[in-house]
Amino acid sequence: MTGEPSFFELGVADPERGRVFYGTLFGWSLEAGPTGRGFSIGTAGLPGGMHGGDPGASPYLFFRVDDLDAAVARVRELGGSVEELGEEDAESMARFGRFKLCRDDQGSSFGLHEPPHGK
């Protein structure tokens, strides 16, 4: 189904400090992410991640879409914008799917997530 929350992401300055803080606060199990620059967050229900180098970031909420390219085009048609995140690596895409950070036509942040095919 399209439109339901499918993933969340926490941006922090130092991912190791974030792992200790959120792991202790919520009892989360955090595993090293596929790129080695952050963590996958094992929670009951909504999966998540944490990345570093993003001090003071707000949490990102990603909404599921079946076709990321079509959804990105629609965001732009509706007056929103899409941030380019750099190269998508095949291992990450196979494991987690594809992601784009967006802003609506009023500047509010949200994300789009196309899960790996078959999931």
Protein backbone atom coordinates (compact mmCIF):
# COMPACT_ATOMS: atom_id res chain seq x y z
CA MET A 1 0.00 0.00 0.00
CA THR A 2 1.18 3.55 -0.69
CA GLY A 3 1.26 6.41 1.81
CA GLU A 4 1.70 4.69 5.16
CA PRO A 5 4.78 5.47 7.27
CA SER A 6 7.44 2.89 6.40
CA PHE A 7 10.73 4.08 7.92
CA PHE A 8 12.15 6.76 10.21
CA GLU A 9 15.64 8.23 10.31
CA LEU A 10 17.42 10.14 13.07
CA GLY A 11 20.18 12.56 12.11
CA VAL A 12 22.83 13.15 14.78
CA ALA A 13 26.30 14.70 14.87
CA ASP A 14 27.97 11.58 16.29
CA PRO A 15 26.27 8.25 15.56
CA GLU A 16 28.10 6.36 18.33
CA ARG A 17 26.87 8.87 20.94
CA GLY A 18 23.40 8.62 19.38
CA ARG A 19 23.54 4.83 19.66
CA VAL A 20 24.33 5.05 23.36
CA PHE A 21 21.72 7.75 24.05
CA TYR A 22 18.76 6.28 22.16
CA GLY A 23 19.69 2.68 22.91
CA THR A 24 19.72 3.44 26.62
CA LEU A 25 16.66 5.70 26.55
CA PHE A 26 14.38 3.37 24.57
CA GLY A 27 16.08 -0.01 24.94
CA TRP A 28 16.63 -0.13 21.18
CA SER A 29 18.86 -2.71 19.54
CA LEU A 30 21.11 -0.83 17.10
CA GLU A 31 23.20 -2.67 14.51
CA ALA A 32 25.84 -1.18 12.24
CA GLY A 33 24.30 -0.01 8.98
CA PRO A 34 25.41 -1.32 5.59
CA THR A 35 27.68 1.65 4.89
CA GLY A 36 29.32 1.61 8.33
CA ARG A 37 28.33 5.26 8.86
CA GLY A 38 25.30 4.72 11.06
CA PHE A 39 22.95 2.20 12.59
CA SER A 40 19.83 0.24 11.81
CA ILE A 41 17.33 0.55 14.62
CA GLY A 42 15.46 -2.59 15.62
CA THR A 43 12.12 -1.53 17.09
CA ALA A 44 8.80 -3.29 17.27
CA GLY A 45 6.87 -2.10 14.26
CA LEU A 46 8.36 0.74 12.23
CA PRO A 47 11.99 0.14 11.20
CA GLY A 48 14.48 2.98 11.46
CA GLY A 49 18.03 4.16 11.08
CA MET A 50 20.51 6.70 12.39
CA HIS A 51 23.14 8.61 10.44
CA GLY A 52 25.95 10.91 11.54
CA GLY A 53 27.20 14.29 10.42
CA ASP A 54 23.79 15.95 10.83
CA PRO A 55 23.85 17.99 14.08
CA GLY A 56 20.50 19.39 15.19
CA ALA A 57 18.51 17.51 12.54
CA SER A 58 14.88 16.74 13.06
CA PRO A 59 13.75 13.12 12.73
CA TYR A 60 12.76 12.18 9.20
CA LEU A 61 9.55 10.26 8.55
CA PHE A 62 9.43 8.32 5.28
CA PHE A 63 6.20 7.36 3.54
CA ARG A 64 5.99 4.22 1.42
CA VAL A 65 5.59 4.53 -2.34
CA ASP A 66 5.49 1.80 -4.96
CA ASP A 67 7.41 3.80 -7.60
CA LEU A 68 9.94 6.29 -6.21
CA ASP A 69 10.66 7.93 -9.57
CA ALA A 70 6.95 8.60 -10.22
CA ALA A 71 6.45 9.90 -6.66
CA VAL A 72 9.44 12.26 -6.97
CA ALA A 73 8.03 13.62 -10.23
CA ARG A 74 4.66 14.15 -8.55
CA VAL A 75 6.27 16.02 -5.61
CA ARG A 76 7.88 18.41 -8.09
CA GLU A 77 4.63 18.80 -10.09
CA LEU A 78 2.86 19.80 -6.87
CA GLY A 79 5.45 22.52 -6.10
CA GLY A 80 7.60 20.54 -3.68
CA SER A 81 11.31 19.85 -3.90
CA VAL A 82 13.54 16.79 -3.68
CA GLU A 83 17.09 16.66 -2.28
CA GLU A 84 19.67 14.64 -4.12
CA LEU A 85 21.34 12.28 -1.63
CA GLY A 86 24.19 11.02 -3.80
CA GLU A 87 24.81 7.57 -5.21
CA GLU A 88 22.56 4.71 -4.13
CA ASP A 89 24.63 1.62 -3.49
CA ALA A 90 23.25 -1.69 -4.73
CA GLU A 91 23.71 -3.51 -1.40
CA SER A 92 21.80 -0.86 0.55
CA MET A 93 19.03 -0.72 -2.06
CA ALA A 94 18.62 -4.50 -1.99
CA ARG A 95 18.44 -4.54 1.80
CA PHE A 96 16.56 -1.32 2.59
CA GLY A 97 15.12 0.01 -0.68
CA ARG A 98 15.40 3.53 -2.07
CA PHE A 99 14.92 6.83 -0.22
CA LYS A 100 14.50 10.51 -1.09
CA LEU A 101 14.24 13.49 1.24
CA CYS A 102 11.63 16.00 0.14
CA ARG A 103 9.95 19.25 1.11
CA ASP A 104 6.32 20.00 0.45
CA ASP A 105 5.17 23.20 -1.26
CA GLN A 106 5.37 25.02 2.10
CA GLY A 107 8.89 23.83 2.98
CA SER A 108 8.01 21.05 5.45
CA SER A 109 10.35 18.02 5.34
CA PHE A 110 9.28 14.44 4.70
CA GLY A 111 10.72 11.41 2.97
CA LEU A 112 9.70 8.89 0.34
CA HIS A 113 10.66 5.21 0.63
CA GLU A 114 10.38 2.52 -2.02
CA PRO A 115 10.97 -0.76 -0.15
CA PRO A 116 13.07 -3.47 -1.79
CA HIS A 117 11.08 -5.37 -4.39
CA GLY A 118 9.22 -8.28 -2.88
CA LYS A 119 8.93 -6.68 0.59
